[in-house]
PDB file of N, CA and C in Angstrom:
ATOM      1  N   MET A   1       0.180   2.430  17.457  1.00  0.00           N
ATOM      2  CA  MET A   1       0.979   1.346  17.985  1.00  0.00           C
ATOM      3  C   MET A   1       0.059   0.146  18.239  1.00  0.00           C
ATOM      4  N   THR A   2       0.612  -1.041  18.079  1.00  0.00           N
ATOM      5  CA  THR A   2      -0.167  -2.245  18.341  1.00  0.00           C
ATOM      6  C   THR A   2       0.391  -2.958  19.570  1.00  0.00           C
ATOM      7  N   LEU A   3      -0.376  -3.876  20.096  1.00  0.00           N
ATOM      8  CA  LEU A   3       0.049  -4.645  21.260  1.00  0.00           C
ATOM      9  C   LEU A   3       1.293  -5.465  20.953  1.00  0.00           C
ATOM     10  N   GLY A   4       1.450  -5.909  19.732  1.00  0.00           N
ATOM     11  CA  GLY A   4       2.624  -6.675  19.344  1.00  0.00           C
ATOM     12  C   GLY A   4       3.908  -5.857  19.322  1.00  0.00           C
ATOM     13  N   GLU A   5       3.802  -4.537  19.262  1.00  0.00           N
ATOM     14  CA  GLU A   5       4.964  -3.643  19.229  1.00  0.00           C
ATOM     15  C   GLU A   5       5.342  -3.102  20.601  1.00  0.00           C
ATOM     16  N   LEU A   6       4.492  -3.292  21.607  1.00  0.00           N
ATOM     17  CA  LEU A   6       4.739  -2.753  22.945  1.00  0.00           C
ATOM     18  C   LEU A   6       5.931  -3.462  23.576  1.00  0.00           C
ATOM     19  N   PRO A   7       6.913  -2.717  24.102  1.00  0.00           N
ATOM     20  CA  PRO A   7       8.104  -3.351  24.679  1.00  0.00           C
ATOM     21  C   PRO A   7       7.827  -3.975  26.044  1.00  0.00           C
ATOM     22  N   ILE A   8       8.722  -4.840  26.500  1.00  0.00           N
ATOM     23  CA  ILE A   8       8.602  -5.445  27.824  1.00  0.00           C
ATOM     24  C   ILE A   8       8.577  -4.336  28.869  1.00  0.00           C
ATOM     25  N   GLY A   9       7.632  -4.431  29.801  1.00  0.00           N
ATOM     26  CA  GLY A   9       7.476  -3.419  30.837  1.00  0.00           C
ATOM     27  C   GLY A   9       6.623  -2.244  30.410  1.00  0.00           C
ATOM     28  N   GLY A  10       6.294  -2.165  29.129  1.00  0.00           N
ATOM     29  CA  GLY A  10       5.474  -1.073  28.613  1.00  0.00           C
ATOM     30  C   GLY A  10       4.002  -1.307  28.902  1.00  0.00           C
ATOM     31  N   SER A  11       3.269  -0.224  29.060  1.00  0.00           N
ATOM     32  CA  SER A  11       1.829  -0.338  29.262  1.00  0.00           C
ATOM     33  C   SER A  11       1.126   0.699  28.396  1.00  0.00           C
ATOM     34  N   ALA A  12      -0.108   0.410  28.069  1.00  0.00           N
ATOM     35  CA  ALA A  12      -0.914   1.295  27.228  1.00  0.00           C
ATOM     36  C   ALA A  12      -2.383   0.920  27.417  1.00  0.00           C
ATOM     37  N   ILE A  13      -3.236   1.641  26.742  1.00  0.00           N
ATOM     38  CA  ILE A  13      -4.679   1.438  26.813  1.00  0.00           C
ATOM     39  C   ILE A  13      -5.155   0.843  25.488  1.00  0.00           C
ATOM     40  N   VAL A  14      -5.996  -0.181  25.568  1.00  0.00           N
ATOM     41  CA  VAL A  14      -6.564  -0.791  24.361  1.00  0.00           C
ATOM     42  C   VAL A  14      -7.472   0.237  23.691  1.00  0.00           C
ATOM     43  N   ASP A  15      -7.250   0.459  22.408  1.00  0.00           N
ATOM     44  CA  ASP A  15      -8.056   1.404  21.645  1.00  0.00           C
ATOM     45  C   ASP A  15      -9.055   0.681  20.751  1.00  0.00           C
ATOM     46  N   ARG A  16      -8.597  -0.391  20.090  1.00  0.00           N
ATOM     47  CA  ARG A  16      -9.456  -1.093  19.125  1.00  0.00           C
ATOM     48  C   ARG A  16      -8.931  -2.508  18.911  1.00  0.00           C
ATOM     49  N   VAL A  17      -9.847  -3.444  18.712  1.00  0.00           N
ATOM     50  CA  VAL A  17      -9.485  -4.826  18.402  1.00  0.00           C
ATOM     51  C   VAL A  17      -9.992  -5.123  16.999  1.00  0.00           C
ATOM     52  N   GLU A  18      -9.075  -5.563  16.125  1.00  0.00           N
ATOM     53  CA  GLU A  18      -9.435  -5.858  14.742  1.00  0.00           C
ATOM     54  C   GLU A  18      -9.377  -7.357  14.500  1.00  0.00           C
ATOM     55  N   GLY A  19      -9.669  -7.772  13.270  1.00  0.00           N
ATOM     56  CA  GLY A  19      -9.621  -9.177  12.909  1.00  0.00           C
ATOM     57  C   GLY A  19     -10.995  -9.744  12.657  1.00  0.00           C
ATOM     58  N   ALA A  20     -11.046 -11.051  12.483  1.00  0.00           N
ATOM     59  CA  ALA A  20     -12.314 -11.734  12.217  1.00  0.00           C
ATOM     60  C   ALA A  20     -13.251 -11.591  13.416  1.00  0.00           C
ATOM     61  N   ARG A  21     -14.523 -11.665  13.158  1.00  0.00           N
ATOM     62  CA  ARG A  21     -15.526 -11.460  14.205  1.00  0.00           C
ATOM     63  C   ARG A  21     -15.333 -12.400  15.392  1.00  0.00           C
ATOM     64  N   ALA A  22     -15.121 -13.681  15.139  1.00  0.00           N
ATOM     65  CA  ALA A  22     -14.945 -14.654  16.225  1.00  0.00           C
ATOM     66  C   ALA A  22     -13.684 -14.343  17.034  1.00  0.00           C
ATOM     67  N   PHE A  23     -12.628 -13.915  16.354  1.00  0.00           N
ATOM     68  CA  PHE A  23     -11.391 -13.566  17.032  1.00  0.00           C
ATOM     69  C   PHE A  23     -11.591 -12.344  17.922  1.00  0.00           C
ATOM     70  N   ARG A  24     -12.242 -11.298  17.397  1.00  0.00           N
ATOM     71  CA  ARG A  24     -12.516 -10.096  18.193  1.00  0.00           C
ATOM     72  C   ARG A  24     -13.337 -10.444  19.419  1.00  0.00           C
ATOM     73  N   ARG A  25     -14.346 -11.254  19.225  1.00  0.00           N
ATOM     74  CA  ARG A  25     -15.211 -11.629  20.338  1.00  0.00           C
ATOM     75  C   ARG A  25     -14.419 -12.350  21.423  1.00  0.00           C
ATOM     76  N   ARG A  26     -13.540 -13.245  21.022  1.00  0.00           N
ATOM     77  CA  ARG A  26     -12.735 -14.000  21.989  1.00  0.00           C
ATOM     78  C   ARG A  26     -11.821 -13.065  22.792  1.00  0.00           C
ATOM     79  N   LEU A  27     -11.171 -12.134  22.126  1.00  0.00           N
ATOM     80  CA  LEU A  27     -10.313 -11.200  22.848  1.00  0.00           C
ATOM     81  C   LEU A  27     -11.120 -10.298  23.780  1.00  0.00           C
ATOM     82  N   LEU A  28     -12.291  -9.889  23.353  1.00  0.00           N
ATOM     83  CA  LEU A  28     -13.154  -9.093  24.228  1.00  0.00           C
ATOM     84  C   LEU A  28     -13.566  -9.903  25.452  1.00  0.00           C
ATOM     85  N   GLU A  29     -13.884 -11.181  25.264  1.00  0.00           N
ATOM     86  CA  GLU A  29     -14.230 -12.052  26.384  1.00  0.00           C
ATOM     87  C   GLU A  29     -13.065 -12.223  27.352  1.00  0.00           C
ATOM     88  N   LEU A  30     -11.835 -12.166  26.831  1.00  0.00           N
ATOM     89  CA  LEU A  30     -10.650 -12.306  27.669  1.00  0.00           C
ATOM     90  C   LEU A  30     -10.274 -10.997  28.368  1.00  0.00           C
ATOM     91  N   GLY A  31     -11.007  -9.936  28.118  1.00  0.00           N
ATOM     92  CA  GLY A  31     -10.787  -8.687  28.824  1.00  0.00           C
ATOM     93  C   GLY A  31     -10.097  -7.597  28.045  1.00  0.00           C
ATOM     94  N   LEU A  32      -9.773  -7.816  26.794  1.00  0.00           N
ATOM     95  CA  LEU A  32      -9.123  -6.781  25.978  1.00  0.00           C
ATOM     96  C   LEU A  32     -10.188  -5.861  25.382  1.00  0.00           C
ATOM     97  N   ILE A  33     -10.839  -5.134  26.253  1.00  0.00           N
ATOM     98  CA  ILE A  33     -11.921  -4.226  25.884  1.00  0.00           C
ATOM     99  C   ILE A  33     -11.339  -2.826  25.724  1.00  0.00           C
ATOM    100  N   PRO A  34     -11.781  -2.060  24.728  1.00  0.00           N
ATOM    101  CA  PRO A  34     -11.282  -0.693  24.594  1.00  0.00           C
ATOM    102  C   PRO A  34     -11.403   0.065  25.917  1.00  0.00           C
ATOM    103  N   GLY A  35     -10.306   0.747  26.287  1.00  0.00           N
ATOM    104  CA  GLY A  35     -10.252   1.482  27.542  1.00  0.00           C
ATOM    105  C   GLY A  35      -9.553   0.729  28.656  1.00  0.00           C
ATOM    106  N   THR A  36      -9.194  -0.533  28.418  1.00  0.00           N
ATOM    107  CA  THR A  36      -8.531  -1.370  29.412  1.00  0.00           C
ATOM    108  C   THR A  36      -7.017  -1.202  29.330  1.00  0.00           C
ATOM    109  N   LYS A  37      -6.370  -1.097  30.496  1.00  0.00           N
ATOM    110  CA  LYS A  37      -4.912  -0.986  30.545  1.00  0.00           C
ATOM    111  C   LYS A  37      -4.300  -2.375  30.382  1.00  0.00           C
ATOM    112  N   VAL A  38      -3.260  -2.475  29.564  1.00  0.00           N
ATOM    113  CA  VAL A  38      -2.506  -3.719  29.392  1.00  0.00           C
ATOM    114  C   VAL A  38      -1.030  -3.428  29.595  1.00  0.00           C
ATOM    115  N   GLU A  39      -0.312  -4.417  30.113  1.00  0.00           N
ATOM    116  CA  GLU A  39       1.130  -4.287  30.332  1.00  0.00           C
ATOM    117  C   GLU A  39       1.811  -5.550  29.841  1.00  0.00           C
ATOM    118  N   VAL A  40       2.934  -5.398  29.143  1.00  0.00           N
ATOM    119  CA  VAL A  40       3.710  -6.548  28.680  1.00  0.00           C
ATOM    120  C   VAL A  40       4.638  -6.969  29.814  1.00  0.00           C
ATOM    121  N   LEU A  41       4.471  -8.208  30.285  1.00  0.00           N
ATOM    122  CA  LEU A  41       5.288  -8.719  31.375  1.00  0.00           C
ATOM    123  C   LEU A  41       6.571  -9.367  30.882  1.00  0.00           C
ATOM    124  N   ARG A  42       6.443 -10.232  29.881  1.00  0.00           N
ATOM    125  CA  ARG A  42       7.627 -10.888  29.327  1.00  0.00           C
ATOM    126  C   ARG A  42       7.317 -11.444  27.945  1.00  0.00           C
ATOM    127  N   VAL A  43       8.394 -11.819  27.279  1.00  0.00           N
ATOM    128  CA  VAL A  43       8.295 -12.366  25.925  1.00  0.00           C
ATOM    129  C   VAL A  43       9.071 -13.671  25.901  1.00  0.00           C
ATOM    130  N   ALA A  44       8.547 -14.680  25.224  1.00  0.00           N
ATOM    131  CA  ALA A  44       9.226 -15.966  25.102  1.00  0.00           C
ATOM    132  C   ALA A  44      10.581 -15.777  24.417  1.00  0.00           C
ATOM    133  N   PRO A  45      11.521 -16.677  24.639  1.00  0.00           N
ATOM    134  CA  PRO A  45      12.873 -16.537  24.089  1.00  0.00           C
ATOM    135  C   PRO A  45      12.938 -16.276  22.582  1.00  0.00           C
ATOM    136  N   LEU A  46      12.066 -16.861  21.819  1.00  0.00           N
ATOM    137  CA  LEU A  46      12.084 -16.641  20.372  1.00  0.00           C
ATOM    138  C   LEU A  46      11.140 -15.525  19.935  1.00  0.00           C
ATOM    139  N   GLY A  47      10.596 -14.783  20.913  1.00  0.00           N
ATOM    140  CA  GLY A  47       9.758 -13.636  20.613  1.00  0.00           C
ATOM    141  C   GLY A  47       8.279 -13.915  20.506  1.00  0.00           C
ATOM    142  N   ASP A  48       7.864 -15.136  20.698  1.00  0.00           N
ATOM    143  CA  ASP A  48       6.456 -15.487  20.540  1.00  0.00           C
ATOM    144  C   ASP A  48       6.120 -16.655  21.440  1.00  0.00           C
ATOM    145  N   PRO A  49       5.148 -16.617  22.305  1.00  0.00           N
ATOM    146  CA  PRO A  49       4.144 -15.583  22.538  1.00  0.00           C
ATOM    147  C   PRO A  49       4.632 -14.506  23.516  1.00  0.00           C
ATOM    148  N   ILE A  50       3.739 -13.526  23.754  1.00  0.00           N
ATOM    149  CA  ILE A  50       4.021 -12.497  24.748  1.00  0.00           C
ATOM    150  C   ILE A  50       3.053 -12.671  25.909  1.00  0.00           C
ATOM    151  N   GLU A  51       3.518 -12.362  27.111  1.00  0.00           N
ATOM    152  CA  GLU A  51       2.683 -12.474  28.310  1.00  0.00           C
ATOM    153  C   GLU A  51       2.260 -11.079  28.744  1.00  0.00           C
ATOM    154  N   LEU A  52       0.967 -10.905  28.954  1.00  0.00           N
ATOM    155  CA  LEU A  52       0.385  -9.608  29.281  1.00  0.00           C
ATOM    156  C   LEU A  52      -0.273  -9.648  30.656  1.00  0.00           C
ATOM    157  N   LEU A  53      -0.354  -8.492  31.280  1.00  0.00           N
ATOM    158  CA  LEU A  53      -1.152  -8.335  32.492  1.00  0.00           C
ATOM    159  C   LEU A  53      -2.379  -7.532  32.085  1.00  0.00           C
ATOM    160  N   VAL A  54      -3.538  -8.165  32.195  1.00  0.00           N
ATOM    161  CA  VAL A  54      -4.812  -7.557  31.800  1.00  0.00           C
ATOM    162  C   VAL A  54      -5.808  -7.771  32.925  1.00  0.00           C
ATOM    163  N   ARG A  55      -6.313  -6.687  33.492  1.00  0.00           N
ATOM    164  CA  ARG A  55      -7.342  -6.772  34.532  1.00  0.00           C
ATOM    165  C   ARG A  55      -6.962  -7.704  35.684  1.00  0.00           C
ATOM    166  N   GLY A  56      -5.689  -7.716  36.048  1.00  0.00           N
ATOM    167  CA  GLY A  56      -5.237  -8.497  37.195  1.00  0.00           C
ATOM    168  C   GLY A  56      -4.888  -9.947  36.906  1.00  0.00           C
ATOM    169  N   TYR A  57      -4.938 -10.374  35.681  1.00  0.00           N
ATOM    170  CA  TYR A  57      -4.536 -11.744  35.362  1.00  0.00           C
ATOM    171  C   TYR A  57      -3.552 -11.735  34.191  1.00  0.00           C
ATOM    172  N   ARG A  58      -2.860 -12.843  34.016  1.00  0.00           N
ATOM    173  CA  ARG A  58      -1.855 -12.970  32.961  1.00  0.00           C
ATOM    174  C   ARG A  58      -2.461 -13.658  31.749  1.00  0.00           C
ATOM    175  N   LEU A  59      -2.196 -13.082  30.596  1.00  0.00           N
ATOM    176  CA  LEU A  59      -2.727 -13.591  29.338  1.00  0.00           C
ATOM    177  C   LEU A  59      -1.574 -13.718  28.360  1.00  0.00           C
ATOM    178  N   SER A  60      -1.465 -14.847  27.707  1.00  0.00           N
ATOM    179  CA  SER A  60      -0.440 -15.045  26.673  1.00  0.00           C
ATOM    180  C   SER A  60      -1.100 -15.009  25.308  1.00  0.00           C
ATOM    181  N   LEU A  61      -0.507 -14.231  24.415  1.00  0.00           N
ATOM    182  CA  LEU A  61      -1.004 -14.102  23.043  1.00  0.00           C
ATOM    183  C   LEU A  61       0.136 -14.269  22.059  1.00  0.00           C
ATOM    184  N   ARG A  62      -0.183 -14.860  20.916  1.00  0.00           N
ATOM    185  CA  ARG A  62       0.810 -14.890  19.837  1.00  0.00           C
ATOM    186  C   ARG A  62       1.007 -13.467  19.339  1.00  0.00           C
ATOM    187  N   ARG A  63       2.207 -13.152  18.933  1.00  0.00           N
ATOM    188  CA  ARG A  63       2.513 -11.799  18.460  1.00  0.00           C
ATOM    189  C   ARG A  63       1.637 -11.444  17.245  1.00  0.00           C
ATOM    190  N   GLU A  64       1.353 -12.424  16.410  1.00  0.00           N
ATOM    191  CA  GLU A  64       0.491 -12.217  15.231  1.00  0.00           C
ATOM    192  C   GLU A  64      -0.896 -11.728  15.658  1.00  0.00           C
ATOM    193  N   ASP A  65      -1.440 -12.321  16.719  1.00  0.00           N
ATOM    194  CA  ASP A  65      -2.752 -11.906  17.224  1.00  0.00           C
ATOM    195  C   ASP A  65      -2.671 -10.559  17.931  1.00  0.00           C
ATOM    196  N   ALA A  66      -1.589 -10.341  18.675  1.00  0.00           N
ATOM    197  CA  ALA A  66      -1.414  -9.086  19.388  1.00  0.00           C
ATOM    198  C   ALA A  66      -1.305  -7.911  18.420  1.00  0.00           C
ATOM    199  N   ALA A  67      -0.837  -8.154  17.213  1.00  0.00           N
ATOM    200  CA  ALA A  67      -0.705  -7.096  16.217  1.00  0.00           C
ATOM    201  C   ALA A  67      -2.066  -6.557  15.765  1.00  0.00           C
ATOM    202  N   LEU A  68      -3.134  -7.265  16.070  1.00  0.00           N
ATOM    203  CA  LEU A  68      -4.472  -6.829  15.684  1.00  0.00           C
ATOM    204  C   LEU A  68      -5.150  -5.982  16.755  1.00  0.00           C
ATOM    205  N   VAL A  69      -4.431  -5.716  17.855  1.00  0.00           N
ATOM    206  CA  VAL A  69      -4.968  -4.886  18.944  1.00  0.00           C
ATOM    207  C   VAL A  69      -4.263  -3.531  18.893  1.00  0.00           C
ATOM    208  N   SER A  70      -5.007  -2.481  18.572  1.00  0.00           N
ATOM    209  CA  SER A  70      -4.452  -1.133  18.515  1.00  0.00           C
ATOM    210  C   SER A  70      -4.466  -0.527  19.911  1.00  0.00           C
ATOM    211  N   LEU A  71      -3.419   0.255  20.217  1.00  0.00           N
ATOM    212  CA  LEU A  71      -3.267   0.855  21.539  1.00  0.00           C
ATOM    213  C   LEU A  71      -3.170   2.364  21.430  1.00  0.00           C
ATOM    214  N   ARG A  72      -3.433   3.016  22.554  1.00  0.00           N
ATOM    215  CA  ARG A  72      -3.152   4.434  22.703  1.00  0.00           C
ATOM    216  C   ARG A  72      -2.450   4.613  24.031  1.00  0.00           C
ATOM    217  N   GLU A  73      -1.681   5.658  24.151  1.00  0.00           N
ATOM    218  CA  GLU A  73      -0.944   5.885  25.386  1.00  0.00           C
ATOM    219  C   GLU A  73      -1.881   6.501  26.412  1.00  0.00           C
ATOM    220  N   GLY A  74      -1.515   6.341  27.685  1.00  0.00           N
ATOM    221  CA  GLY A  74      -2.296   6.920  28.763  1.00  0.00           C
ATOM    222  C   GLY A  74      -2.481   5.924  29.889  1.00  0.00           C
ATOM    223  N   ALA A  75      -3.033   6.381  30.979  1.00  0.00           N
ATOM    224  CA  ALA A  75      -3.280   5.524  32.142  1.00  0.00           C
ATOM    225  C   ALA A  75      -4.768   5.248  32.250  1.00  0.00           C
ATOM    226  N   ALA A  76      -5.077   4.037  32.706  1.00  0.00           N
ATOM    227  CA  ALA A  76      -6.486   3.650  32.853  1.00  0.00           C
ATOM    228  C   ALA A  76      -7.055   4.142  34.150  1.00  0.00           C
TER     229      ALA A  76
END
């Protein structure tokens, strides 16, 4: 499952971040590190972007970018 597929209110653990090197680095800097719990708080009316709760702060990502973050189920 990817972060872009996670439903509103759903939570999971980051397993892997894919994409270009600069993109991966930016997401890692924003706290999307493997082993981190993420939760989808809400989605914009047209489905893009999505708002996430990561490490106690809110992060908005385009669904296209969120699709590059692989998740696994479980609690952090």
